[in-house]
Amino acid sequence: MKQKLEMALQQAVASLLEEHGVEADIKVALTRPRQKAHGDYACNIAMTLAGRIKQKPHDVAGMLLERIEWPAGVEGAEIAGPGFINIQLHHASEMDVLKRIIDEAGEYGRAEATGQSVNIEFVSANPTGPMHVGHGRGAVVGDALAHVLAARGFDVFREYYINDAGAQIGVLAESVWLRLRELNGEPITLPEGFYPGEYVIDVARQIMAHHDFESLSKMDETERFSLLGALAINAMMDVIRDDLASLGISFDLFYSERQLHESGRIQELIEHLKDKGLVYAGVLPPPKGKEVAGYQPVEQLLFRTTDFGDDVDRPLAKQDGSPTYFAADIAYHEDKQARGFDRLVDVWGADHGGYVTRVQAAMQALTGKKKCPEVMLVQMVNLMREGKPVRMSKRAGAFVTLREVVDEVGRDAVRFNFLTRRAESQLDFDLEVAKQKNDENPVYYVQYAHARVCSIMRKLRDEGIKAADSDDVDVSRLANDEEKALVAKLLSYPEVLDKAAVRLEPYRVAVYLMELAASLHTYYHKHRVMVEDAALVQARLLLMRAVRQVIDNGLDILGVSAPEEM
């Protein structure tokens, strides 16, 4: 109905603009008024048009109402205030959504294929240790966003970028070597900066089960650390894949940074930038806002990113001639673009916020596209237990691992709670609250609403009452305020999914489900489904079936189960 109303208004707008000889691309957008007295939908398009056609907004609204052809189901429309158009629908027209939900079932809220492909890169945690809860939030947000975009018709490709090149891999290899020596009876001292967690000992044990320690000892140091680094990465990626699986997350591709270096693509990129005149030899000023002791300006190979919105040109090569991480990252994003994706979306930790502009500047230089990749920044999680911070883990050495949290509170609690706030907002996650079976636990609150409806339906079946065909149900019998509120909430589900997809905000689905659950619980405490009036029973049963279906659909988008009993 909302789409039909917007289309009717859009046609009236086009007609009015044409009459006044004005060329403009003005989109109509309807909103739900907070007060029922203001109608079922409201539109401020007259205010937008007023300046274009040099008329008062109230008069413009009148012109639109004179020429608009409303779809069936509209009871009337009126002008309010300076020029708002308030639209009132026939009572039964919105109630028909219940039949649609039952007919479409799991497809309700989903859109037709857009023909556009989206590459979503998320998590991409360094393979130097198990995932912590901060990585977990990024993983859940990225996975839920992938589900949202797929539901709205995009062809989604999930990708993980393995940072398996660079100094941190060398430190991991040396940390494993020390633990191997320790396991073979040598006393060791772990230097500062090495990886202290018990997981490094686990990796050393795995390596020792397949490789002779004496042979490793006799190896050339460079060869040994190269081998140990590769073996450690493989072992840690197995752990990370298992951690992700515990949250129900999988990827279409794990892309290796090391293989990117070995392929020669980075050097090809630099040569390409040289050919385009986007690279020069220059000297960067010292970092802004802080003094660097003994700073010596050095001539470097610089990318003209300031030509595309960055605040300083960026180096592509280190002093030893090897490519910078930035150069590798540009090559990686260019590779994604070359694979034919229409959109690139990256989900990064909030600590990478300063990196967004330079990558987008580089991609604009290469592709002409602005704001590519689209970047979501995910804030850290403050892990709590009964209101007090939880900081340490025996396994990781310095942080609590994601797997420890999942094992303690469960997949559903982790996924849902991580999605209850905007990704860019910090999140306090209390382990004890996440295990509670009451209204304070968001996932329990929503799942209980689903289970409550299932319980109502079972009781009706036990009484011998079967659900009638939806076409035979008189939905006009649903007339009280709580029923109207539930129907209005069910109607808004496709719009919620659409906003979540357009704005890259999967948290909207979780918030919607909490609101729908609240409406259901309110209805349950005020009204009975099992009443004397058989026609009213069938209407209310249809409403309950629709609520159950939409909760099920929404939880599926979030990767959370919908239990029938709790």
Protein backbone atom coordinates (compact mmCIF):
# COMPACT_ATOMS: atom_id res chain seq x y z
CA MET A 1 0.00 0.00 0.00
CA LYS A 2 2.78 2.43 0.89
CA GLN A 3 4.41 1.86 -2.50
CA LYS A 4 1.07 2.37 -4.29
CA LEU A 5 0.48 5.62 -2.42
CA GLU A 6 3.97 6.90 -3.20
CA MET A 7 3.56 6.00 -6.86
CA ALA A 8 0.22 7.84 -7.07
CA LEU A 9 1.74 10.93 -5.45
CA GLN A 10 4.83 10.68 -7.67
CA GLN A 11 2.65 10.78 -10.78
CA ALA A 12 0.82 13.82 -9.46
CA VAL A 13 4.13 15.55 -8.72
CA ALA A 14 5.39 14.81 -12.24
CA SER A 15 2.20 16.24 -13.72
CA LEU A 16 2.43 19.41 -11.63
CA LEU A 17 6.11 19.98 -12.51
CA GLU A 18 5.40 19.49 -16.20
CA GLU A 19 2.51 21.98 -16.05
CA HIS A 20 4.85 24.60 -14.58
CA GLY A 21 7.68 23.81 -17.00
CA VAL A 22 10.04 22.69 -14.24
CA GLU A 23 12.53 19.86 -14.70
CA ALA A 24 13.45 18.27 -11.37
CA ASP A 25 13.94 14.82 -9.93
CA ILE A 26 11.92 14.98 -6.71
CA LYS A 27 11.16 11.77 -4.84
CA VAL A 28 8.05 11.26 -2.77
CA ALA A 29 8.51 9.65 0.65
CA LEU A 30 5.69 8.79 3.04
CA THR A 31 6.02 8.54 6.80
CA ARG A 32 3.89 7.07 9.56
CA PRO A 33 2.50 9.87 11.76
CA ARG A 34 3.03 9.37 15.47
CA GLN A 35 -0.52 10.52 16.18
CA LYS A 36 -3.35 8.49 14.68
CA ALA A 37 -5.37 11.70 14.22
CA HIS A 38 -2.88 12.69 11.53
CA GLY A 39 -3.87 9.72 9.36
CA ASP A 40 -2.18 6.48 8.39
CA TYR A 41 0.48 8.14 6.23
CA ALA A 42 1.77 11.69 5.87
CA CYS A 43 3.79 13.48 3.21
CA ASN A 44 5.61 16.83 3.12
CA ILE A 45 6.20 16.87 -0.65
CA ALA A 46 4.25 20.13 -1.03
CA MET A 47 6.91 21.98 0.99
CA THR A 48 9.62 20.59 -1.29
CA LEU A 49 7.73 21.61 -4.44
CA ALA A 50 6.72 25.07 -3.23
CA GLY A 51 10.07 26.70 -4.00
CA ARG A 52 10.31 25.05 -7.41
CA ILE A 53 6.97 26.26 -8.72
CA LYS A 54 6.85 29.53 -6.72
CA GLN A 55 3.62 28.73 -4.87
CA LYS A 56 2.62 28.46 -1.20
CA PRO A 57 2.99 24.90 0.21
CA HIS A 58 -0.69 24.80 1.21
CA ASP A 59 -1.73 25.72 -2.33
CA VAL A 60 0.68 23.14 -3.79
CA ALA A 61 -0.84 20.44 -1.60
CA GLY A 62 -4.29 21.42 -2.92
CA MET A 63 -3.06 21.18 -6.54
CA LEU A 64 -1.68 17.71 -5.88
CA LEU A 65 -4.92 16.47 -4.30
CA GLU A 66 -6.89 17.78 -7.29
CA ARG A 67 -4.99 15.64 -9.76
CA ILE A 68 -4.02 12.54 -7.79
CA GLU A 69 -5.65 9.18 -8.49
CA TRP A 70 -5.59 7.26 -5.23
CA PRO A 71 -5.40 3.46 -5.26
CA ALA A 72 -8.24 1.38 -3.81
CA GLY A 73 -8.20 1.36 -0.04
CA VAL A 74 -7.80 5.11 0.47
CA GLU A 75 -10.66 6.61 2.48
CA GLY A 76 -9.52 10.19 2.09
CA ALA A 77 -6.74 12.76 2.29
CA GLU A 78 -6.54 16.23 3.81
CA ILE A 79 -4.16 19.14 4.06
CA ALA A 80 -2.77 19.86 7.50
CA GLY A 81 -0.67 22.72 8.83
CA PRO A 82 1.37 24.63 6.24
CA GLY A 83 1.00 21.94 3.59
CA PHE A 84 1.26 18.40 4.94
CA ILE A 85 -0.85 15.80 3.16
CA ASN A 86 -2.38 13.31 5.60
CA ILE A 87 -3.79 10.11 4.11
CA GLN A 88 -6.47 7.96 5.76
CA LEU A 89 -6.99 4.34 4.68
CA HIS A 90 -10.08 2.17 4.91
CA HIS A 91 -9.84 -0.01 8.00
CA ALA A 92 -9.86 -3.31 6.10
CA SER A 93 -7.27 -2.26 3.51
CA GLU A 94 -4.38 -2.51 5.97
CA MET A 95 -5.75 -5.65 7.56
CA ASP A 96 -5.32 -7.43 4.22
CA VAL A 97 -1.58 -7.55 4.94
CA LEU A 98 -2.29 -10.50 7.25
CA LYS A 99 -3.39 -12.62 4.30
CA ARG A 100 -0.38 -11.50 2.33
CA ILE A 101 2.00 -12.49 5.15
CA ILE A 102 0.48 -15.97 5.36
CA ASP A 103 0.62 -16.39 1.57
CA GLU A 104 4.22 -15.16 1.23
CA ALA A 105 5.43 -16.81 4.45
CA GLY A 106 9.25 -16.64 4.56
CA GLU A 107 9.32 -14.35 1.51
CA TYR A 108 7.38 -11.56 3.23
CA GLY A 109 9.59 -8.49 3.40
CA ARG A 110 11.96 -9.73 0.73
CA ALA A 111 12.37 -7.87 -2.55
CA GLU A 112 12.85 -9.04 -6.11
CA ALA A 113 16.40 -9.42 -7.42
CA THR A 114 18.04 -6.07 -8.13
CA GLY A 115 20.57 -7.53 -10.55
CA GLN A 116 23.34 -5.90 -8.49
CA SER A 117 26.17 -7.73 -6.77
CA VAL A 118 27.71 -6.67 -3.45
CA ASN A 119 31.03 -7.80 -2.00
CA ILE A 120 31.00 -7.54 1.79
CA GLU A 121 34.36 -7.89 3.48
CA PHE A 122 34.14 -8.26 7.24
CA VAL A 123 35.99 -9.61 10.28
CA SER A 124 39.41 -9.91 8.57
CA ALA A 125 41.02 -10.40 12.00
CA ASN A 126 44.79 -10.93 11.99
CA PRO A 127 45.54 -14.68 12.12
CA THR A 128 47.81 -14.19 15.13
CA GLY A 129 45.30 -15.25 17.78
CA PRO A 130 41.73 -16.29 18.44
CA MET A 131 38.94 -13.82 17.81
CA HIS A 132 37.97 -11.49 20.67
CA VAL A 133 34.49 -10.08 21.33
CA GLY A 134 35.28 -6.93 19.30
CA HIS A 135 35.94 -9.10 16.25
CA GLY A 136 32.73 -10.95 17.09
CA ARG A 137 30.62 -7.84 16.90
CA GLY A 138 32.08 -7.00 13.50
CA ALA A 139 31.43 -10.57 12.39
CA VAL A 140 27.80 -10.50 13.50
CA VAL A 141 27.15 -7.03 12.05
CA GLY A 142 28.73 -8.01 8.71
CA ASP A 143 26.84 -11.30 8.51
CA ALA A 144 23.50 -9.70 9.42
CA LEU A 145 24.09 -6.95 6.85
CA ALA A 146 24.77 -9.63 4.24
CA HIS A 147 21.43 -11.26 5.12
CA VAL A 148 19.62 -7.90 4.95
CA LEU A 149 21.07 -7.03 1.53
CA ALA A 150 20.28 -10.51 0.21
CA ALA A 151 16.70 -10.15 1.45
CA ARG A 152 16.38 -6.89 -0.47
CA GLY A 153 17.44 -8.48 -3.74
CA PHE A 154 21.23 -8.09 -3.88
CA ASP A 155 23.57 -10.90 -4.91
CA VAL A 156 25.85 -10.98 -1.87
CA PHE A 157 29.42 -12.30 -1.73
CA ARG A 158 31.04 -12.65 1.72
CA GLU A 159 34.82 -12.19 1.88
CA TYR A 160 37.50 -12.40 4.58
CA TYR A 161 40.88 -10.74 3.98
CA ILE A 162 43.64 -12.71 5.72
CA ASN A 163 46.41 -10.39 6.91
CA ASP A 164 49.05 -13.10 6.54
CA ALA A 165 51.90 -10.80 5.50
CA GLY A 166 53.90 -8.34 7.54
CA ALA A 167 55.84 -8.10 10.76
CA GLN A 168 53.12 -9.58 12.98
CA ILE A 169 53.47 -12.95 11.22
CA GLY A 170 57.18 -12.97 11.97
CA VAL A 171 56.44 -12.29 15.65
CA LEU A 172 53.92 -15.14 15.65
CA ALA A 173 56.50 -17.51 14.12
CA GLU A 174 59.10 -16.55 16.73
CA SER A 175 56.53 -16.94 19.53
CA VAL A 176 55.70 -20.45 18.31
CA TRP A 177 59.39 -21.33 18.06
CA LEU A 178 59.95 -20.30 21.68
CA ARG A 179 57.02 -22.47 22.77
CA LEU A 180 58.37 -25.40 20.75
CA ARG A 181 61.67 -25.05 22.57
CA GLU A 182 59.82 -24.86 25.88
CA LEU A 183 57.86 -28.04 25.08
CA ASN A 184 61.20 -29.74 24.43
CA GLY A 185 62.54 -28.90 27.86
CA GLU A 186 64.35 -25.62 27.25
CA PRO A 187 63.83 -22.75 29.70
CA ILE A 188 62.53 -19.67 27.85
CA THR A 189 61.79 -16.02 28.51
CA LEU A 190 59.02 -14.51 26.43
CA PRO A 191 60.20 -11.10 25.19
CA GLU A 192 57.90 -8.10 25.33
CA GLY A 193 55.72 -7.88 22.22
CA PHE A 194 55.54 -11.63 21.67
CA TYR A 195 52.20 -13.46 21.83
CA PRO A 196 51.73 -14.80 25.40
CA GLY A 197 48.42 -16.70 25.16
CA GLU A 198 48.05 -20.42 25.75
CA TYR A 199 46.78 -20.78 22.20
CA VAL A 200 50.40 -20.37 21.00
CA ILE A 201 51.30 -23.48 23.02
CA ASP A 202 48.42 -25.32 21.31
CA VAL A 203 49.78 -24.31 17.91
CA ALA A 204 53.28 -25.47 18.92
CA ARG A 205 51.89 -28.85 19.98
CA GLN A 206 50.10 -29.24 16.64
CA ILE A 207 53.30 -28.47 14.74
CA MET A 208 55.36 -30.81 16.91
CA ALA A 209 52.94 -33.66 16.15
CA HIS A 210 53.89 -33.48 12.46
CA HIS A 211 57.38 -31.95 12.41
CA ASP A 212 60.55 -33.18 14.08
CA PHE A 213 61.95 -30.62 16.54
CA GLU A 214 65.55 -31.57 15.81
CA SER A 215 65.00 -31.01 12.08
CA LEU A 216 63.45 -27.62 12.78
CA SER A 217 66.43 -26.71 14.98
CA LYS A 218 68.89 -27.47 12.17
CA MET A 219 67.04 -25.37 9.61
CA ASP A 220 68.29 -22.02 8.39
CA GLU A 221 66.57 -19.43 10.57
CA THR A 222 64.85 -17.68 7.66
CA GLU A 223 63.58 -21.00 6.32
CA ARG A 224 62.43 -22.12 9.78
CA PHE A 225 60.49 -18.96 10.53
CA SER A 226 58.93 -18.98 7.06
CA LEU A 227 57.70 -22.54 7.65
CA LEU A 228 56.55 -21.90 11.21
CA GLY A 229 54.76 -18.72 10.15
CA ALA A 230 52.84 -20.56 7.43
CA LEU A 231 51.97 -23.48 9.74
CA ALA A 232 50.90 -21.11 12.53
CA ILE A 233 48.68 -19.12 10.15
CA ASN A 234 46.97 -22.30 8.96
CA ALA A 235 46.42 -23.42 12.55
CA MET A 236 45.06 -20.04 13.64
CA MET A 237 42.77 -19.77 10.61
CA ASP A 238 41.33 -23.17 11.55
CA VAL A 239 40.60 -21.74 15.01
CA ILE A 240 39.08 -18.58 13.52
CA ARG A 241 36.90 -20.57 11.10
CA ASP A 242 35.71 -22.67 14.03
CA ASP A 243 34.99 -19.53 16.08
CA LEU A 244 32.98 -18.12 13.19
CA ALA A 245 31.11 -21.39 12.75
CA SER A 246 30.08 -21.21 16.41
CA LEU A 247 28.17 -18.04 15.40
CA GLY A 248 26.78 -19.58 12.22
CA ILE A 249 29.02 -17.46 9.98
CA SER A 250 30.71 -18.65 6.80
CA PHE A 251 32.47 -16.97 3.90
CA ASP A 252 32.55 -17.41 0.14
CA LEU A 253 36.24 -16.55 -0.01
CA PHE A 254 39.23 -16.23 2.32
CA TYR A 255 41.59 -13.93 0.43
CA SER A 256 45.30 -14.10 1.30
CA GLU A 257 47.35 -10.90 1.54
CA ARG A 258 50.52 -12.98 1.18
CA GLN A 259 49.31 -14.37 -2.15
CA LEU A 260 48.46 -10.83 -3.24
CA HIS A 261 52.11 -9.87 -2.67
CA GLU A 262 53.37 -12.99 -4.46
CA SER A 263 51.09 -12.40 -7.46
CA GLY A 264 52.85 -9.17 -8.43
CA ARG A 265 49.57 -7.23 -8.46
CA ILE A 266 50.85 -4.61 -6.02
CA GLN A 267 53.80 -3.68 -8.21
CA GLU A 268 51.51 -3.71 -11.26
CA LEU A 269 49.24 -1.26 -9.45
CA ILE A 270 52.13 1.09 -8.64
CA GLU A 271 53.28 1.03 -12.28
CA HIS A 272 49.71 1.73 -13.39
CA LEU A 273 49.52 4.73 -11.04
CA LYS A 274 52.83 5.99 -12.39
CA ASP A 275 51.47 5.79 -15.94
CA LYS A 276 48.45 7.85 -14.87
CA GLY A 277 50.67 10.50 -13.30
CA LEU A 278 49.27 9.83 -9.83
CA VAL A 279 52.62 8.98 -8.18
CA TYR A 280 55.62 11.17 -7.46
CA ALA A 281 58.78 11.14 -5.34
CA GLY A 282 58.30 13.47 -2.42
CA VAL A 283 58.83 14.15 1.27
CA LEU A 284 56.02 14.05 3.80
CA PRO A 285 55.82 16.49 6.70
CA PRO A 286 56.01 15.05 10.23
CA PRO A 287 52.71 13.66 11.65
CA LYS A 288 50.31 16.39 12.76
CA GLY A 289 49.55 16.96 16.41
CA LYS A 290 52.63 15.30 17.88
CA GLU A 291 56.38 15.68 17.93
CA VAL A 292 58.47 12.82 16.60
CA ALA A 293 61.90 12.66 18.22
CA GLY A 294 64.69 12.69 15.69
CA TYR A 295 62.33 12.98 12.75
CA GLN A 296 64.26 12.81 9.48
CA PRO A 297 62.35 13.61 6.28
CA VAL A 298 62.86 10.89 3.68
CA GLU A 299 61.97 10.96 0.02
CA GLN A 300 59.24 8.39 -0.70
CA LEU A 301 57.02 7.25 -3.52
CA LEU A 302 53.76 9.14 -2.85
CA PHE A 303 50.23 8.69 -4.20
CA ARG A 304 48.42 11.96 -4.97
CA THR A 305 45.43 11.09 -2.76
CA THR A 306 44.95 14.79 -1.86
CA ASP A 307 43.64 15.28 -5.41
CA PHE A 308 40.72 13.06 -4.38
CA GLY A 309 39.82 14.36 -0.92
CA ASP A 310 42.55 13.00 1.37
CA ASP A 311 44.34 15.37 3.76
CA VAL A 312 47.87 14.24 2.83
CA ASP A 313 49.46 12.23 0.04
CA ARG A 314 50.20 8.65 1.04
CA PRO A 315 53.39 6.59 0.63
CA LEU A 316 53.25 3.46 -1.49
CA ALA A 317 56.73 2.14 -0.66
CA LYS A 318 58.80 1.89 2.50
CA GLN A 319 62.41 3.04 2.74
CA ASP A 320 63.58 -0.47 1.81
CA GLY A 321 61.47 -0.35 -1.36
CA SER A 322 58.87 -2.86 -0.20
CA PRO A 323 55.21 -1.86 -0.62
CA THR A 324 53.35 -0.28 2.28
CA TYR A 325 50.22 -1.80 3.76
CA PHE A 326 48.30 0.98 2.02
CA ALA A 327 49.65 -0.09 -1.37
CA ALA A 328 48.59 -3.68 -0.69
CA ASP A 329 45.17 -2.54 0.45
CA ILE A 330 44.59 -0.51 -2.71
CA ALA A 331 45.65 -3.47 -4.85
CA TYR A 332 43.26 -5.69 -2.91
CA HIS A 333 40.32 -3.34 -3.41
CA GLU A 334 41.18 -2.90 -7.08
CA ASP A 335 41.17 -6.70 -7.37
CA LYS A 336 37.69 -6.84 -5.83
CA GLN A 337 36.50 -4.19 -8.26
CA ALA A 338 38.04 -6.10 -11.18
CA ARG A 339 36.07 -9.19 -10.19
CA GLY A 340 32.95 -7.37 -11.33
CA PHE A 341 31.11 -6.43 -8.14
CA ASP A 342 28.74 -3.48 -8.44
CA ARG A 343 29.32 -2.44 -4.83
CA LEU A 344 32.08 -2.96 -2.28
CA VAL A 345 31.20 -2.81 1.41
CA ASP A 346 33.83 -3.06 4.16
CA VAL A 347 33.04 -3.62 7.84
CA TRP A 348 35.97 -2.30 9.90
CA GLY A 349 36.73 -1.68 13.53
CA ALA A 350 36.21 1.91 14.68
CA ASP A 351 39.99 2.25 15.17
CA HIS A 352 40.29 2.24 11.36
CA GLY A 353 38.14 5.38 11.02
CA GLY A 354 41.09 7.51 9.92
CA TYR A 355 41.85 5.04 7.14
CA VAL A 356 38.53 5.42 5.30
CA THR A 357 39.23 8.65 3.41
CA ARG A 358 42.57 7.55 2.00
CA VAL A 359 41.23 4.22 0.68
CA GLN A 360 38.19 5.91 -0.85
CA ALA A 361 40.44 8.57 -2.38
CA ALA A 362 42.64 5.88 -3.93
CA MET A 363 39.66 3.98 -5.32
CA GLN A 364 38.19 7.17 -6.75
CA ALA A 365 41.49 7.81 -8.52
CA LEU A 366 41.43 4.29 -9.96
CA THR A 367 37.73 3.82 -10.74
CA GLY A 368 36.10 7.26 -10.71
CA LYS A 369 33.67 6.02 -8.05
CA LYS A 370 33.14 8.12 -4.95
CA LYS A 371 32.65 6.58 -1.49
CA CYS A 372 34.03 3.27 -2.71
CA PRO A 373 34.26 1.12 -0.71
CA GLU A 374 31.26 1.91 1.46
CA VAL A 375 32.59 1.53 4.99
CA MET A 376 30.80 0.56 8.20
CA LEU A 377 32.73 1.27 11.39
CA VAL A 378 32.00 -1.01 14.34
CA GLN A 379 32.75 0.10 17.87
CA MET A 380 34.22 -2.16 20.51
CA VAL A 381 32.25 -4.21 23.03
CA ASN A 382 32.62 -3.52 26.74
CA LEU A 383 32.32 -6.96 28.24
CA MET A 384 30.70 -6.92 31.68
CA ARG A 385 29.67 -9.37 34.37
CA GLU A 386 27.04 -8.04 36.77
CA GLY A 387 28.04 -4.50 35.83
CA LYS A 388 31.78 -4.97 36.30
CA PRO A 389 34.32 -5.08 33.43
CA VAL A 390 35.71 -8.45 32.33
CA ARG A 391 39.13 -8.04 30.75
CA MET A 392 41.35 -11.11 30.97
CA SER A 393 41.37 -14.61 29.56
CA LYS A 394 43.67 -17.49 30.39
CA ARG A 395 43.50 -18.72 26.84
CA ALA A 396 44.24 -15.42 25.08
CA GLY A 397 46.46 -13.87 27.71
CA ALA A 398 45.15 -10.32 27.44
CA PHE A 399 41.53 -10.42 26.32
CA VAL A 400 38.39 -12.56 26.48
CA THR A 401 37.97 -14.68 23.38
CA LEU A 402 34.79 -14.67 21.34
CA ARG A 403 34.49 -18.44 21.70
CA GLU A 404 34.52 -18.21 25.49
CA VAL A 405 31.58 -15.80 25.34
CA VAL A 406 29.62 -17.92 22.83
CA ASP A 407 30.20 -21.06 24.90
CA GLU A 408 28.95 -19.29 28.04
CA VAL A 409 25.82 -17.47 26.81
CA GLY A 410 25.02 -19.13 23.46
CA ARG A 411 24.97 -18.11 19.81
CA ASP A 412 21.54 -16.47 19.87
CA ALA A 413 22.32 -14.20 22.82
CA VAL A 414 25.61 -13.07 21.30
CA ARG A 415 24.19 -12.39 17.85
CA PHE A 416 21.04 -10.58 18.96
CA ASN A 417 22.66 -8.48 21.67
CA PHE A 418 25.45 -7.39 19.31
CA LEU A 419 22.75 -6.05 16.96
CA THR A 420 20.63 -4.07 19.41
CA ARG A 421 22.52 -0.81 18.87
CA ARG A 422 24.02 1.06 15.94
CA ALA A 423 27.35 -0.43 14.93
CA GLU A 424 29.14 2.88 15.51
CA SER A 425 27.87 3.06 19.12
CA GLN A 426 29.78 1.41 21.96
CA LEU A 427 28.04 -1.63 23.38
CA ASP A 428 28.00 -2.85 26.97
CA PHE A 429 27.44 -6.61 26.94
CA ASP A 430 26.70 -8.14 30.33
CA LEU A 431 27.23 -11.90 30.39
CA GLU A 432 24.83 -12.45 33.26
CA VAL A 433 22.02 -10.42 31.66
CA ALA A 434 22.51 -12.37 28.42
CA LYS A 435 21.77 -15.60 30.30
CA GLN A 436 18.65 -14.37 32.08
CA LYS A 437 15.20 -15.57 31.10
CA ASN A 438 13.31 -12.32 31.58
CA ASP A 439 12.45 -9.04 29.89
CA GLU A 440 15.91 -7.58 30.54
CA ASN A 441 17.41 -9.98 28.01
CA PRO A 442 16.47 -8.70 24.52
CA VAL A 443 16.81 -12.01 22.70
CA TYR A 444 14.73 -13.84 25.30
CA TYR A 445 12.07 -11.12 25.06
CA VAL A 446 11.71 -11.58 21.30
CA GLN A 447 12.04 -15.37 21.27
CA TYR A 448 9.46 -15.62 24.05
CA ALA A 449 7.01 -13.63 21.91
CA HIS A 450 7.45 -16.21 19.15
CA ALA A 451 7.05 -19.09 21.59
CA ARG A 452 3.98 -17.41 23.15
CA VAL A 453 2.20 -17.28 19.78
CA CYS A 454 3.11 -20.91 19.12
CA SER A 455 1.62 -21.79 22.52
CA ILE A 456 -1.63 -19.97 21.67
CA MET A 457 -1.86 -21.85 18.38
CA ARG A 458 -1.25 -25.21 20.11
CA LYS A 459 -3.99 -24.51 22.66
CA LEU A 460 -6.45 -23.68 19.88
CA ARG A 461 -5.56 -26.90 18.08
CA ASP A 462 -6.08 -28.81 21.31
CA GLU A 463 -9.55 -27.27 21.49
CA GLY A 464 -10.25 -28.56 17.99
CA ILE A 465 -10.06 -25.13 16.35
CA LYS A 466 -8.33 -25.23 12.98
CA ALA A 467 -7.09 -22.13 11.20
CA ALA A 468 -9.40 -21.18 8.35
CA ASP A 469 -8.10 -20.32 4.92
CA SER A 470 -6.89 -16.72 5.10
CA ASP A 471 -9.24 -15.70 2.25
CA ASP A 472 -12.21 -16.84 4.34
CA VAL A 473 -11.28 -14.76 7.40
CA ASP A 474 -13.15 -11.52 8.09
CA VAL A 475 -10.20 -9.30 9.03
CA SER A 476 -12.49 -6.31 9.60
CA ARG A 477 -13.31 -7.90 12.97
CA LEU A 478 -9.87 -6.78 14.19
CA ALA A 479 -10.88 -3.38 15.44
CA ASN A 480 -9.34 -2.65 18.85
CA ASP A 481 -6.32 -0.39 19.27
CA GLU A 482 -3.88 -3.20 20.10
CA GLU A 483 -4.87 -5.14 16.98
CA LYS A 484 -4.47 -2.06 14.81
CA ALA A 485 -1.06 -1.42 16.38
CA LEU A 486 0.07 -4.98 15.62
CA VAL A 487 -1.11 -4.75 12.01
CA ALA A 488 0.60 -1.40 11.52
CA LYS A 489 3.82 -2.88 12.90
CA LEU A 490 3.57 -5.90 10.59
CA LEU A 491 2.98 -3.60 7.62
CA SER A 492 6.19 -1.71 8.33
CA TYR A 493 8.49 -4.79 8.23
CA PRO A 494 9.42 -4.52 4.52
CA GLU A 495 10.16 -0.82 5.00
CA VAL A 496 12.39 -1.61 7.99
CA LEU A 497 14.34 -4.12 5.89
CA ASP A 498 14.64 -1.60 3.08
CA LYS A 499 16.00 1.13 5.38
CA ALA A 500 18.39 -1.35 6.97
CA ALA A 501 19.72 -2.21 3.51
CA VAL A 502 19.90 1.35 2.15
CA ARG A 503 21.58 2.75 5.27
CA LEU A 504 23.70 -0.34 6.02
CA GLU A 505 22.11 -0.58 9.48
CA PRO A 506 21.13 -4.16 10.35
CA TYR A 507 20.46 -3.14 13.95
CA ARG A 508 17.11 -1.76 12.71
CA VAL A 509 15.81 -5.32 12.34
CA ALA A 510 16.62 -6.19 15.95
CA VAL A 511 15.00 -2.99 17.24
CA TYR A 512 11.93 -3.67 15.09
CA LEU A 513 11.59 -7.19 16.51
CA MET A 514 11.78 -5.87 20.07
CA GLU A 515 9.01 -3.37 19.26
CA LEU A 516 6.88 -6.05 17.61
CA ALA A 517 7.40 -8.34 20.60
CA ALA A 518 6.34 -5.51 22.94
CA SER A 519 3.14 -4.99 20.92
CA LEU A 520 2.42 -8.72 21.03
CA HIS A 521 2.98 -8.97 24.79
CA THR A 522 0.70 -5.94 25.35
CA TYR A 523 -2.02 -7.53 23.20
CA TYR A 524 -1.70 -10.87 25.00
CA HIS A 525 -2.27 -9.30 28.42
CA LYS A 526 -5.36 -7.37 27.25
CA HIS A 527 -7.16 -9.76 24.91
CA ARG A 528 -7.91 -13.46 24.52
CA VAL A 529 -7.81 -15.22 21.19
CA MET A 530 -10.22 -17.91 22.40
CA VAL A 531 -13.60 -16.15 22.66
CA GLU A 532 -17.25 -17.06 22.01
CA ASP A 533 -17.38 -15.37 18.61
CA ALA A 534 -16.02 -17.93 16.09
CA ALA A 535 -15.41 -15.30 13.38
CA LEU A 536 -13.41 -13.17 15.81
CA VAL A 537 -11.40 -16.22 16.89
CA GLN A 538 -10.38 -16.85 13.28
CA ALA A 539 -9.48 -13.18 12.75
CA ARG A 540 -7.31 -13.13 15.88
CA LEU A 541 -5.77 -16.47 15.01
CA LEU A 542 -4.81 -15.08 11.59
CA LEU A 543 -3.24 -12.07 13.34
CA MET A 544 -1.23 -14.37 15.63
CA ARG A 545 -0.07 -16.48 12.69
CA ALA A 546 1.12 -13.34 10.90
CA VAL A 547 2.98 -12.09 13.99
CA ARG A 548 4.69 -15.47 14.40
CA GLN A 549 5.71 -15.49 10.72
CA VAL A 550 7.23 -12.00 10.79
CA ILE A 551 9.14 -12.67 14.01
CA ASP A 552 10.43 -15.86 12.42
CA ASN A 553 11.45 -13.97 9.26
CA GLY A 554 13.22 -11.24 11.21
CA LEU A 555 15.11 -13.64 13.48
CA ASP A 556 16.19 -15.59 10.41
CA ILE A 557 17.65 -12.37 8.94
CA LEU A 558 19.64 -11.91 12.17
CA GLY A 559 20.79 -15.54 12.25
CA VAL A 560 18.88 -16.20 15.50
CA SER A 561 16.65 -19.21 16.18
CA ALA A 562 12.87 -18.94 16.67
CA PRO A 563 11.94 -21.55 19.34
CA GLU A 564 8.35 -22.80 19.58
CA GLU A 565 8.67 -23.54 23.28
CA MET A 566 10.64 -21.86 26.07
